[in-house]
N, C-alpha and C. Protein backbone atom coordinates (compact mmCIF):
# COMPACT_ATOMS: atom_id res chain seq x y z
N MET A 1 -9.19 10.11 47.21
CA MET A 1 -7.81 9.71 47.41
C MET A 1 -7.37 8.81 46.26
N MET A 2 -6.18 9.06 45.76
CA MET A 2 -5.63 8.24 44.69
C MET A 2 -4.64 7.26 45.28
N ILE A 3 -4.66 6.03 44.81
CA ILE A 3 -3.79 4.98 45.33
C ILE A 3 -2.98 4.38 44.18
N HIS A 4 -1.66 4.31 44.36
CA HIS A 4 -0.77 3.63 43.43
C HIS A 4 -0.12 2.49 44.19
N ARG A 5 -0.14 1.30 43.63
CA ARG A 5 0.42 0.16 44.34
C ARG A 5 1.21 -0.72 43.37
N ARG A 6 2.37 -1.17 43.85
CA ARG A 6 3.16 -2.15 43.09
C ARG A 6 3.50 -3.28 44.05
N GLU A 7 3.25 -4.50 43.64
CA GLU A 7 3.53 -5.63 44.52
C GLU A 7 5.03 -5.91 44.63
N GLY A 8 5.77 -5.70 43.55
CA GLY A 8 7.21 -5.86 43.61
C GLY A 8 7.64 -7.29 43.89
N ALA A 9 8.90 -7.46 44.27
CA ALA A 9 9.47 -8.79 44.50
C ALA A 9 8.86 -9.47 45.72
N GLY A 10 8.24 -8.69 46.60
CA GLY A 10 7.65 -9.27 47.80
C GLY A 10 6.24 -9.74 47.61
N ALA A 11 5.75 -9.81 46.40
CA ALA A 11 4.35 -10.18 46.16
C ALA A 11 4.06 -11.60 46.63
N GLN A 12 5.08 -12.45 46.68
CA GLN A 12 4.86 -13.83 47.10
C GLN A 12 4.57 -13.92 48.59
N ILE A 13 4.88 -12.88 49.35
CA ILE A 13 4.67 -12.89 50.79
C ILE A 13 3.31 -12.24 51.06
N PRO A 14 2.29 -13.04 51.44
CA PRO A 14 0.95 -12.48 51.60
C PRO A 14 0.85 -11.42 52.69
N THR A 15 1.60 -11.60 53.78
CA THR A 15 1.56 -10.63 54.86
C THR A 15 2.99 -10.28 55.26
N PRO A 16 3.49 -9.10 54.90
CA PRO A 16 4.84 -8.72 55.31
C PRO A 16 4.93 -8.62 56.82
N SER A 17 6.10 -8.86 57.36
CA SER A 17 6.29 -8.75 58.80
C SER A 17 6.19 -7.30 59.26
N LEU A 18 6.66 -6.38 58.42
CA LEU A 18 6.76 -4.98 58.82
C LEU A 18 6.26 -4.07 57.71
N SER A 19 5.40 -3.14 58.07
CA SER A 19 4.98 -2.08 57.15
C SER A 19 5.62 -0.78 57.60
N VAL A 20 6.40 -0.15 56.73
CA VAL A 20 7.02 1.14 57.03
C VAL A 20 6.11 2.23 56.48
N LEU A 21 5.66 3.12 57.36
CA LEU A 21 4.65 4.11 57.02
C LEU A 21 5.26 5.51 57.06
N ILE A 22 5.20 6.22 55.93
CA ILE A 22 5.86 7.52 55.82
C ILE A 22 4.90 8.54 55.21
N PRO A 23 4.39 9.49 56.00
CA PRO A 23 3.63 10.60 55.42
C PRO A 23 4.59 11.70 54.98
N TYR A 24 4.19 12.47 53.99
CA TYR A 24 5.04 13.60 53.60
C TYR A 24 4.19 14.72 53.03
N PHE A 25 4.78 15.92 53.07
CA PHE A 25 4.10 17.11 52.57
C PHE A 25 5.14 18.02 51.93
N ARG A 26 5.10 18.11 50.61
CA ARG A 26 6.00 18.98 49.84
C ARG A 26 7.48 18.65 50.02
N GLN A 27 7.79 17.42 50.34
CA GLN A 27 9.17 16.98 50.33
C GLN A 27 9.17 15.48 50.06
N THR A 28 10.15 15.02 49.35
CA THR A 28 10.15 13.62 48.96
C THR A 28 10.81 12.75 50.03
N PRO A 29 10.20 11.62 50.38
CA PRO A 29 10.84 10.67 51.29
C PRO A 29 11.65 9.61 50.54
N ARG A 30 11.99 9.88 49.29
CA ARG A 30 12.58 8.84 48.45
C ARG A 30 13.92 8.35 48.99
N THR A 31 14.76 9.25 49.50
CA THR A 31 16.06 8.81 50.02
C THR A 31 15.88 7.88 51.20
N LEU A 32 15.00 8.24 52.12
CA LEU A 32 14.71 7.38 53.27
C LEU A 32 14.14 6.04 52.80
N ALA A 33 13.17 6.09 51.90
CA ALA A 33 12.54 4.86 51.42
C ALA A 33 13.55 3.93 50.76
N GLN A 34 14.44 4.49 49.95
CA GLN A 34 15.43 3.66 49.26
C GLN A 34 16.41 3.03 50.24
N GLN A 35 16.81 3.78 51.26
CA GLN A 35 17.70 3.21 52.27
C GLN A 35 17.05 2.03 52.97
N LEU A 36 15.75 2.13 53.24
CA LEU A 36 15.05 1.04 53.91
C LEU A 36 14.91 -0.18 52.99
N VAL A 37 14.64 0.06 51.72
CA VAL A 37 14.58 -1.05 50.76
C VAL A 37 15.92 -1.76 50.69
N ASP A 38 17.00 -1.00 50.63
CA ASP A 38 18.34 -1.60 50.56
C ASP A 38 18.64 -2.38 51.85
N ALA A 39 18.25 -1.82 53.00
CA ALA A 39 18.50 -2.50 54.27
C ALA A 39 17.71 -3.80 54.35
N ALA A 40 16.47 -3.78 53.87
CA ALA A 40 15.65 -4.99 53.88
C ALA A 40 16.29 -6.09 53.04
N ALA A 41 16.86 -5.71 51.90
CA ALA A 41 17.52 -6.69 51.04
C ALA A 41 18.75 -7.28 51.73
N ARG A 42 19.52 -6.45 52.41
CA ARG A 42 20.74 -6.93 53.09
C ARG A 42 20.42 -7.90 54.22
N HIS A 43 19.32 -7.65 54.92
CA HIS A 43 19.02 -8.43 56.12
C HIS A 43 17.90 -9.44 55.90
N GLY A 44 17.45 -9.58 54.67
CA GLY A 44 16.42 -10.56 54.37
C GLY A 44 15.10 -10.29 55.09
N ALA A 45 14.76 -9.03 55.25
CA ALA A 45 13.56 -8.65 55.99
C ALA A 45 12.35 -8.58 55.07
N SER A 46 11.23 -9.04 55.55
CA SER A 46 9.97 -8.98 54.81
C SER A 46 9.25 -7.68 55.16
N ILE A 47 9.38 -6.66 54.29
CA ILE A 47 8.76 -5.37 54.57
C ILE A 47 7.96 -4.90 53.37
N GLU A 48 7.10 -3.93 53.63
CA GLU A 48 6.45 -3.16 52.58
C GLU A 48 6.56 -1.69 52.97
N LEU A 49 6.45 -0.82 51.98
CA LEU A 49 6.43 0.62 52.22
C LEU A 49 5.05 1.15 51.87
N VAL A 50 4.50 1.98 52.76
CA VAL A 50 3.27 2.70 52.46
C VAL A 50 3.56 4.17 52.71
N VAL A 51 3.50 4.98 51.66
CA VAL A 51 3.80 6.40 51.77
C VAL A 51 2.57 7.21 51.39
N LEU A 52 2.41 8.36 52.02
CA LEU A 52 1.22 9.17 51.81
C LEU A 52 1.59 10.62 51.58
N ASP A 53 1.14 11.16 50.46
CA ASP A 53 1.30 12.58 50.15
C ASP A 53 0.08 13.30 50.71
N ASP A 54 0.32 14.09 51.76
CA ASP A 54 -0.79 14.76 52.45
C ASP A 54 -1.14 16.09 51.80
N GLY A 55 -1.52 16.00 50.51
CA GLY A 55 -2.02 17.19 49.82
C GLY A 55 -0.95 18.14 49.33
N SER A 56 0.24 17.62 48.98
CA SER A 56 1.31 18.51 48.51
C SER A 56 0.94 19.25 47.23
N GLY A 57 0.34 18.52 46.28
CA GLY A 57 0.05 19.12 44.99
C GLY A 57 1.30 19.41 44.19
N ASP A 58 2.41 18.73 44.49
CA ASP A 58 3.69 18.95 43.82
C ASP A 58 3.94 17.77 42.89
N GLN A 59 3.80 17.99 41.60
CA GLN A 59 3.93 16.90 40.64
C GLN A 59 5.35 16.40 40.51
N THR A 60 6.34 17.25 40.81
CA THR A 60 7.72 16.80 40.77
C THR A 60 7.96 15.73 41.81
N VAL A 61 7.46 15.97 43.03
CA VAL A 61 7.59 14.98 44.10
C VAL A 61 6.80 13.73 43.74
N THR A 62 5.60 13.90 43.20
CA THR A 62 4.76 12.75 42.83
C THR A 62 5.46 11.89 41.79
N ARG A 63 6.03 12.51 40.77
CA ARG A 63 6.72 11.74 39.73
C ARG A 63 7.89 10.96 40.31
N SER A 64 8.64 11.59 41.21
CA SER A 64 9.76 10.92 41.84
C SER A 64 9.31 9.69 42.61
N MET A 65 8.23 9.83 43.36
CA MET A 65 7.74 8.70 44.15
C MET A 65 7.13 7.62 43.27
N LEU A 66 6.47 8.01 42.17
CA LEU A 66 5.91 7.01 41.26
C LEU A 66 7.01 6.19 40.61
N GLU A 67 8.14 6.82 40.31
CA GLU A 67 9.28 6.07 39.78
C GLU A 67 9.70 4.97 40.75
N MET A 68 9.70 5.32 42.03
CA MET A 68 10.09 4.31 43.01
C MET A 68 9.02 3.23 43.13
N VAL A 69 7.75 3.61 43.12
CA VAL A 69 6.67 2.63 43.19
C VAL A 69 6.83 1.58 42.11
N HIS A 70 7.19 2.01 40.91
CA HIS A 70 7.26 1.09 39.77
C HIS A 70 8.59 0.35 39.65
N SER A 71 9.59 0.76 40.45
CA SER A 71 10.90 0.11 40.32
C SER A 71 11.35 -0.60 41.60
N SER A 72 10.60 -0.46 42.67
CA SER A 72 11.05 -0.98 43.96
C SER A 72 11.09 -2.50 43.98
N ALA A 73 12.05 -3.02 44.76
CA ALA A 73 12.17 -4.46 44.93
C ALA A 73 11.26 -4.99 46.03
N VAL A 74 10.57 -4.11 46.74
CA VAL A 74 9.61 -4.53 47.77
C VAL A 74 8.26 -3.89 47.45
N PRO A 75 7.17 -4.43 48.00
CA PRO A 75 5.86 -3.83 47.74
C PRO A 75 5.81 -2.38 48.23
N VAL A 76 5.27 -1.51 47.40
CA VAL A 76 5.13 -0.10 47.75
C VAL A 76 3.72 0.37 47.41
N THR A 77 3.10 1.08 48.34
CA THR A 77 1.81 1.72 48.08
C THR A 77 1.97 3.22 48.28
N LEU A 78 1.56 4.00 47.29
CA LEU A 78 1.58 5.45 47.38
C LEU A 78 0.15 5.96 47.43
N LEU A 79 -0.17 6.68 48.51
CA LEU A 79 -1.49 7.29 48.67
C LEU A 79 -1.35 8.79 48.44
N GLU A 80 -2.27 9.37 47.67
CA GLU A 80 -2.25 10.80 47.41
C GLU A 80 -3.58 11.42 47.86
N LEU A 81 -3.49 12.39 48.77
CA LEU A 81 -4.68 13.12 49.20
C LEU A 81 -4.77 14.43 48.42
N PRO A 82 -5.97 14.82 47.99
CA PRO A 82 -6.10 16.07 47.22
C PRO A 82 -5.88 17.32 48.05
N VAL A 83 -6.15 17.24 49.36
CA VAL A 83 -5.92 18.37 50.26
C VAL A 83 -5.26 17.86 51.53
N ASN A 84 -4.60 18.76 52.23
CA ASN A 84 -3.92 18.38 53.46
C ASN A 84 -4.95 18.04 54.55
N ARG A 85 -4.77 16.85 55.16
CA ARG A 85 -5.71 16.39 56.19
C ARG A 85 -5.08 16.37 57.58
N GLY A 86 -3.81 16.63 57.68
CA GLY A 86 -3.18 16.71 58.99
C GLY A 86 -2.53 15.42 59.43
N ARG A 87 -1.75 15.54 60.52
CA ARG A 87 -0.88 14.46 60.96
C ARG A 87 -1.65 13.22 61.43
N SER A 88 -2.69 13.40 62.20
CA SER A 88 -3.42 12.25 62.72
C SER A 88 -4.13 11.48 61.60
N ARG A 89 -4.84 12.20 60.74
CA ARG A 89 -5.55 11.56 59.65
C ARG A 89 -4.59 10.83 58.72
N ALA A 90 -3.45 11.45 58.43
CA ALA A 90 -2.47 10.83 57.55
C ALA A 90 -1.99 9.50 58.12
N ARG A 91 -1.69 9.48 59.40
CA ARG A 91 -1.17 8.25 60.00
C ARG A 91 -2.25 7.18 60.14
N ASN A 92 -3.46 7.58 60.41
CA ASN A 92 -4.55 6.60 60.45
C ASN A 92 -4.76 5.96 59.08
N LEU A 93 -4.71 6.77 58.03
CA LEU A 93 -4.87 6.22 56.69
C LEU A 93 -3.73 5.28 56.33
N LEU A 94 -2.52 5.66 56.68
CA LEU A 94 -1.37 4.79 56.42
C LEU A 94 -1.57 3.43 57.11
N ALA A 95 -1.99 3.46 58.36
CA ALA A 95 -2.19 2.22 59.10
C ALA A 95 -3.29 1.37 58.47
N GLN A 96 -4.33 2.02 57.98
CA GLN A 96 -5.45 1.29 57.38
C GLN A 96 -5.04 0.57 56.09
N HIS A 97 -4.05 1.11 55.39
CA HIS A 97 -3.61 0.50 54.13
C HIS A 97 -2.39 -0.40 54.31
N ALA A 98 -1.93 -0.59 55.54
CA ALA A 98 -0.77 -1.44 55.81
C ALA A 98 -1.22 -2.88 56.02
N ARG A 99 -0.33 -3.82 55.68
CA ARG A 99 -0.64 -5.24 55.82
C ARG A 99 0.22 -5.94 56.85
N GLY A 100 1.26 -5.28 57.33
CA GLY A 100 2.20 -5.91 58.24
C GLY A 100 1.65 -6.09 59.65
N ARG A 101 2.23 -7.04 60.38
CA ARG A 101 1.86 -7.25 61.78
C ARG A 101 2.40 -6.13 62.67
N PHE A 102 3.49 -5.51 62.21
CA PHE A 102 4.06 -4.37 62.91
C PHE A 102 4.11 -3.18 61.96
N LEU A 103 3.97 -1.99 62.52
CA LEU A 103 4.01 -0.74 61.75
C LEU A 103 5.17 0.10 62.27
N LEU A 104 5.99 0.58 61.35
CA LEU A 104 7.08 1.48 61.71
C LEU A 104 6.77 2.86 61.15
N PHE A 105 6.39 3.79 62.03
CA PHE A 105 6.10 5.16 61.61
C PHE A 105 7.41 5.94 61.56
N LEU A 106 7.65 6.60 60.41
CA LEU A 106 8.81 7.47 60.24
C LEU A 106 8.37 8.76 59.58
N ASP A 107 9.09 9.84 59.87
CA ASP A 107 8.86 11.10 59.16
C ASP A 107 9.70 11.14 57.90
N ALA A 108 9.25 11.91 56.92
CA ALA A 108 9.95 11.96 55.63
C ALA A 108 11.32 12.60 55.73
N ASP A 109 11.58 13.39 56.79
CA ASP A 109 12.85 14.11 56.88
C ASP A 109 13.83 13.44 57.85
N VAL A 110 13.61 12.16 58.18
CA VAL A 110 14.57 11.45 59.01
C VAL A 110 15.33 10.44 58.17
N LEU A 111 16.53 10.06 58.65
CA LEU A 111 17.34 9.04 58.01
C LEU A 111 18.00 8.19 59.10
N PRO A 112 18.21 6.91 58.84
CA PRO A 112 18.94 6.07 59.80
C PRO A 112 20.36 6.60 60.00
N VAL A 113 20.85 6.50 61.23
CA VAL A 113 22.20 6.99 61.51
C VAL A 113 23.26 5.92 61.26
N ASP A 114 22.84 4.64 61.17
CA ASP A 114 23.82 3.59 60.89
C ASP A 114 23.11 2.39 60.27
N GLY A 115 23.88 1.38 59.93
CA GLY A 115 23.34 0.22 59.22
C GLY A 115 22.56 -0.75 60.09
N GLN A 116 22.48 -0.49 61.39
CA GLN A 116 21.76 -1.38 62.30
C GLN A 116 20.36 -0.88 62.64
N PHE A 117 19.91 0.16 61.98
CA PHE A 117 18.59 0.72 62.29
C PHE A 117 17.49 -0.32 62.12
N LEU A 118 17.40 -0.93 60.96
CA LEU A 118 16.36 -1.92 60.73
C LEU A 118 16.55 -3.18 61.58
N PRO A 119 17.77 -3.74 61.68
CA PRO A 119 17.95 -4.93 62.53
C PRO A 119 17.53 -4.73 63.98
N ARG A 120 17.73 -3.53 64.52
CA ARG A 120 17.31 -3.29 65.91
C ARG A 120 15.80 -3.46 66.05
N TYR A 121 15.05 -2.93 65.10
CA TYR A 121 13.60 -3.08 65.17
C TYR A 121 13.18 -4.52 64.89
N LEU A 122 13.85 -5.18 63.98
CA LEU A 122 13.52 -6.58 63.70
C LEU A 122 13.71 -7.43 64.96
N ALA A 123 14.75 -7.11 65.74
CA ALA A 123 14.99 -7.84 66.98
C ALA A 123 13.86 -7.60 67.98
N CYS A 124 13.37 -6.37 68.04
CA CYS A 124 12.23 -6.07 68.92
C CYS A 124 11.00 -6.87 68.49
N MET A 125 10.76 -6.95 67.20
CA MET A 125 9.61 -7.70 66.70
C MET A 125 9.71 -9.17 67.04
N GLN A 126 10.90 -9.73 66.95
CA GLN A 126 11.08 -11.15 67.18
C GLN A 126 10.89 -11.53 68.64
N ARG A 127 11.07 -10.58 69.55
CA ARG A 127 10.86 -10.87 70.97
C ARG A 127 9.40 -11.15 71.29
N GLY A 128 8.50 -10.61 70.47
CA GLY A 128 7.08 -10.92 70.63
C GLY A 128 6.33 -10.02 71.57
N GLU A 129 6.90 -9.74 72.75
CA GLU A 129 6.14 -8.97 73.74
C GLU A 129 6.16 -7.47 73.46
N ALA A 130 7.07 -7.00 72.61
CA ALA A 130 7.17 -5.57 72.32
C ALA A 130 5.98 -5.13 71.47
N ARG A 131 5.20 -4.17 71.95
CA ARG A 131 4.05 -3.68 71.22
C ARG A 131 4.21 -2.22 70.81
N VAL A 132 4.92 -1.43 71.64
CA VAL A 132 5.18 -0.03 71.32
C VAL A 132 6.64 0.24 71.66
N VAL A 133 7.44 0.59 70.63
CA VAL A 133 8.87 0.80 70.82
C VAL A 133 9.25 2.13 70.19
N ALA A 134 9.74 3.06 71.01
CA ALA A 134 10.16 4.37 70.53
C ALA A 134 11.66 4.38 70.31
N GLY A 135 12.07 4.79 69.10
CA GLY A 135 13.47 4.65 68.73
C GLY A 135 14.36 5.84 68.98
N GLY A 136 13.79 7.01 69.20
CA GLY A 136 14.63 8.17 69.49
C GLY A 136 15.04 8.96 68.26
N ILE A 137 15.64 10.10 68.51
CA ILE A 137 16.01 11.05 67.45
C ILE A 137 17.39 11.62 67.75
N GLN A 138 18.19 11.82 66.70
CA GLN A 138 19.45 12.55 66.78
C GLN A 138 19.44 13.68 65.77
N LEU A 139 20.37 14.62 65.94
CA LEU A 139 20.50 15.73 64.99
C LEU A 139 21.85 15.70 64.30
N SER A 140 22.41 14.53 64.14
CA SER A 140 23.79 14.43 63.66
C SER A 140 23.98 14.93 62.24
N THR A 141 22.95 14.88 61.40
CA THR A 141 23.12 15.28 59.99
C THR A 141 22.25 16.46 59.60
N THR A 142 21.65 17.14 60.57
CA THR A 142 20.79 18.27 60.24
C THR A 142 21.62 19.52 59.99
N PRO A 143 21.07 20.51 59.24
CA PRO A 143 21.82 21.74 58.97
C PRO A 143 22.21 22.44 60.26
N GLY A 144 23.37 23.10 60.23
CA GLY A 144 23.86 23.76 61.43
C GLY A 144 23.95 25.27 61.34
N GLY A 145 23.23 25.87 60.40
CA GLY A 145 23.30 27.32 60.21
C GLY A 145 22.50 28.11 61.24
N ARG A 146 22.60 29.42 61.13
CA ARG A 146 21.91 30.29 62.09
C ARG A 146 20.40 30.15 62.00
N ASP A 147 19.87 29.90 60.80
CA ASP A 147 18.42 29.80 60.63
C ASP A 147 17.83 28.64 61.41
N GLU A 148 18.63 27.63 61.68
CA GLU A 148 18.14 26.45 62.39
C GLU A 148 18.54 26.42 63.86
N ALA A 149 19.21 27.47 64.35
CA ALA A 149 19.80 27.43 65.69
C ALA A 149 18.76 27.23 66.78
N VAL A 150 17.66 27.98 66.71
CA VAL A 150 16.64 27.87 67.75
C VAL A 150 15.98 26.50 67.71
N ALA A 151 15.65 26.03 66.51
CA ALA A 151 15.01 24.72 66.38
C ALA A 151 15.93 23.63 66.90
N ARG A 152 17.22 23.72 66.60
CA ARG A 152 18.16 22.70 67.07
C ARG A 152 18.27 22.71 68.59
N ALA A 153 18.35 23.90 69.18
CA ALA A 153 18.46 23.99 70.63
C ALA A 153 17.22 23.41 71.31
N TYR A 154 16.05 23.74 70.76
CA TYR A 154 14.80 23.22 71.32
C TYR A 154 14.72 21.70 71.18
N SER A 155 15.08 21.20 70.01
CA SER A 155 15.01 19.76 69.77
C SER A 155 15.96 18.99 70.67
N ARG A 156 17.16 19.53 70.91
CA ARG A 156 18.10 18.84 71.78
C ARG A 156 17.54 18.69 73.19
N ARG A 157 16.80 19.69 73.65
CA ARG A 157 16.25 19.65 75.01
C ARG A 157 15.01 18.77 75.10
N THR A 158 14.18 18.76 74.05
CA THR A 158 12.87 18.13 74.17
C THR A 158 12.72 16.83 73.39
N HIS A 159 13.58 16.59 72.41
CA HIS A 159 13.45 15.41 71.56
C HIS A 159 14.67 14.48 71.60
N CYS A 160 15.85 15.04 71.58
CA CYS A 160 17.07 14.24 71.44
C CYS A 160 17.54 13.77 72.81
N VAL A 161 16.85 12.77 73.32
CA VAL A 161 17.08 12.27 74.67
C VAL A 161 17.40 10.78 74.59
N ALA A 162 18.41 10.34 75.33
CA ALA A 162 18.81 8.93 75.30
C ALA A 162 17.70 8.04 75.86
N ALA A 163 17.72 6.78 75.47
CA ALA A 163 16.65 5.84 75.83
C ALA A 163 16.47 5.72 77.34
N ALA A 164 17.57 5.67 78.09
CA ALA A 164 17.46 5.51 79.54
C ALA A 164 16.70 6.67 80.17
N GLU A 165 16.95 7.88 79.69
CA GLU A 165 16.25 9.05 80.22
C GLU A 165 14.79 9.07 79.76
N ARG A 166 14.55 8.70 78.49
CA ARG A 166 13.17 8.66 77.99
C ARG A 166 12.33 7.64 78.74
N ALA A 167 12.95 6.53 79.12
CA ALA A 167 12.22 5.47 79.80
C ALA A 167 11.70 5.90 81.16
N ALA A 168 12.33 6.91 81.76
CA ALA A 168 11.86 7.40 83.07
C ALA A 168 10.54 8.16 82.95
N TRP A 169 10.22 8.64 81.76
CA TRP A 169 8.95 9.34 81.51
C TRP A 169 8.48 8.89 80.12
N PRO A 170 8.08 7.64 79.97
CA PRO A 170 7.91 7.05 78.63
C PRO A 170 6.87 7.73 77.75
N THR A 171 5.78 8.23 78.30
CA THR A 171 4.75 8.83 77.45
C THR A 171 5.17 10.20 76.92
N ARG A 172 6.11 10.84 77.58
CA ARG A 172 6.55 12.17 77.15
C ARG A 172 7.34 12.12 75.84
N TYR A 173 7.93 10.98 75.54
CA TYR A 173 8.84 10.88 74.40
C TYR A 173 8.35 9.88 73.36
N VAL A 174 7.07 9.89 73.10
CA VAL A 174 6.50 9.07 72.02
C VAL A 174 6.35 9.97 70.80
N PHE A 175 7.22 9.78 69.82
CA PHE A 175 7.21 10.61 68.62
C PHE A 175 7.02 9.71 67.40
N THR A 176 6.07 10.04 66.54
CA THR A 176 5.81 9.22 65.36
C THR A 176 6.85 9.43 64.27
N SER A 177 7.87 10.22 64.54
CA SER A 177 8.98 10.33 63.59
C SER A 177 9.84 9.08 63.59
N ASN A 178 9.69 8.22 64.62
CA ASN A 178 10.50 7.00 64.72
C ASN A 178 9.86 6.10 65.77
N LEU A 179 8.87 5.31 65.36
CA LEU A 179 8.06 4.57 66.33
C LEU A 179 7.58 3.25 65.74
N LEU A 180 7.86 2.15 66.43
CA LEU A 180 7.40 0.82 66.05
C LEU A 180 6.19 0.44 66.90
N VAL A 181 5.11 0.00 66.24
CA VAL A 181 3.87 -0.31 66.95
C VAL A 181 3.25 -1.56 66.34
N GLY A 182 2.67 -2.41 67.18
CA GLY A 182 1.89 -3.51 66.67
C GLY A 182 0.67 -3.00 65.92
N ALA A 183 0.38 -3.60 64.78
CA ALA A 183 -0.76 -3.12 63.98
C ALA A 183 -2.07 -3.20 64.76
N ASP A 184 -2.18 -4.21 65.61
CA ASP A 184 -3.40 -4.34 66.40
C ASP A 184 -3.56 -3.22 67.41
N VAL A 185 -2.43 -2.67 67.88
CA VAL A 185 -2.48 -1.56 68.84
C VAL A 185 -3.06 -0.31 68.17
N VAL A 186 -2.59 -0.01 66.96
CA VAL A 186 -3.10 1.17 66.24
C VAL A 186 -4.56 0.98 65.85
N ALA A 187 -4.93 -0.24 65.48
CA ALA A 187 -6.33 -0.50 65.13
C ALA A 187 -7.25 -0.23 66.31
N ALA A 188 -6.78 -0.60 67.51
CA ALA A 188 -7.59 -0.39 68.70
C ALA A 188 -7.51 1.03 69.23
N HIS A 189 -6.40 1.72 68.91
CA HIS A 189 -6.18 3.07 69.43
C HIS A 189 -5.73 3.99 68.29
N PRO A 190 -6.61 4.40 67.39
CA PRO A 190 -6.20 5.30 66.30
C PRO A 190 -5.81 6.67 66.84
N PHE A 191 -5.10 7.41 66.03
CA PHE A 191 -4.73 8.77 66.40
C PHE A 191 -5.96 9.67 66.38
N ASP A 192 -6.00 10.61 67.29
CA ASP A 192 -7.16 11.50 67.44
C ASP A 192 -7.15 12.55 66.33
N GLU A 193 -8.12 12.46 65.42
CA GLU A 193 -8.16 13.37 64.27
C GLU A 193 -8.77 14.73 64.60
N ALA A 194 -9.13 14.94 65.88
CA ALA A 194 -9.62 16.26 66.29
C ALA A 194 -8.48 17.25 66.46
N PHE A 195 -7.22 16.74 66.52
CA PHE A 195 -6.09 17.64 66.63
C PHE A 195 -5.95 18.48 65.37
N ARG A 196 -5.61 19.74 65.53
CA ARG A 196 -5.37 20.64 64.41
C ARG A 196 -3.99 21.27 64.55
N GLY A 197 -3.39 21.65 63.43
CA GLY A 197 -2.06 22.24 63.49
C GLY A 197 -0.99 21.17 63.62
N TRP A 198 0.14 21.55 64.20
CA TRP A 198 1.30 20.66 64.24
C TRP A 198 1.57 20.21 65.66
N GLY A 199 1.68 18.91 65.87
CA GLY A 199 2.22 18.37 67.09
C GLY A 199 1.24 17.97 68.17
N TRP A 200 1.76 17.20 69.12
CA TRP A 200 1.12 16.74 70.35
C TRP A 200 0.15 15.59 70.17
N GLU A 201 -0.28 15.31 68.96
CA GLU A 201 -1.20 14.18 68.80
C GLU A 201 -0.51 12.86 69.11
N ASP A 202 0.80 12.77 68.89
CA ASP A 202 1.51 11.54 69.21
C ASP A 202 1.71 11.38 70.72
N ILE A 203 1.94 12.49 71.43
CA ILE A 203 2.05 12.44 72.89
C ILE A 203 0.73 11.97 73.49
N GLU A 204 -0.37 12.56 73.04
CA GLU A 204 -1.68 12.18 73.55
C GLU A 204 -1.97 10.72 73.25
N TRP A 205 -1.60 10.27 72.07
CA TRP A 205 -1.78 8.86 71.69
C TRP A 205 -0.99 7.97 72.63
N GLY A 206 0.25 8.34 72.91
CA GLY A 206 1.08 7.55 73.81
C GLY A 206 0.48 7.43 75.20
N ILE A 207 -0.11 8.50 75.69
CA ILE A 207 -0.74 8.46 77.01
C ILE A 207 -1.90 7.47 77.02
N ARG A 208 -2.73 7.51 75.98
CA ARG A 208 -3.87 6.58 75.91
C ARG A 208 -3.39 5.13 75.82
N VAL A 209 -2.42 4.89 74.96
CA VAL A 209 -1.95 3.53 74.73
C VAL A 209 -1.26 2.96 75.97
N SER A 210 -0.58 3.83 76.73
CA SER A 210 0.18 3.36 77.89
C SER A 210 -0.71 2.74 78.96
N ARG A 211 -2.01 3.00 78.91
CA ARG A 211 -2.92 2.41 79.90
C ARG A 211 -3.08 0.91 79.69
N GLN A 212 -2.75 0.44 78.49
CA GLN A 212 -2.87 -0.99 78.19
C GLN A 212 -1.56 -1.65 77.75
N HIS A 213 -0.60 -0.83 77.29
CA HIS A 213 0.63 -1.39 76.75
C HIS A 213 1.83 -0.63 77.31
N ALA A 214 2.85 -1.37 77.70
CA ALA A 214 4.09 -0.73 78.11
C ALA A 214 4.78 -0.09 76.91
N ILE A 215 5.39 1.06 77.12
CA ILE A 215 6.13 1.75 76.06
C ILE A 215 7.61 1.54 76.30
N GLU A 216 8.27 0.89 75.36
CA GLU A 216 9.70 0.62 75.47
C GLU A 216 10.48 1.68 74.69
N HIS A 217 11.60 2.12 75.25
CA HIS A 217 12.45 3.08 74.55
C HIS A 217 13.81 2.45 74.27
N ILE A 218 14.25 2.60 73.03
CA ILE A 218 15.56 2.10 72.62
C ILE A 218 16.30 3.23 71.91
N ASP A 219 17.61 3.06 71.74
CA ASP A 219 18.40 4.03 70.98
C ASP A 219 18.64 3.48 69.59
């Protein structure tokens, strides 16, 4: 595994409050990462970014991310895997290289829907008792063509659910595309790397974690 790290303007902070963890495969998370850096600057948040290329082998994407590593105003770590290791392994590695007390797992293809995305999570962190907080998903900016029709219909039924409804069945709606977790929780309960293919490892993780920690859902 290759590691690129820049301490950036946040180098004076030995332990950031929040580590934002973003795995990606053949697509750049740069737009998402930049929005989070800008939001951190606006709200005075102590964050770092840890991003992981899960075996893309795409030098165009790598160059784009390296530009951000070297120019970011906050600490950024870029991890590159030579081959794809899957969703669970990627997230475990991200957590292992994070320094924050809280970890915010995001997917590379998501974006905040408004300017309060980061402040909402910062408020959860400041309450202290929040250990697992699921933020939810919308499809407000996704493509609306025929090619995506089935995926959109499925996602609206199974993923795009308001917090009040998700809270009635909290383990069913734990998605690592938008999830805040205490670093100690992930250390004690890593993702199961026996999973193969796409999906369900986050649901299974949520079920295990719920035996010791309440899962909070917010919008």
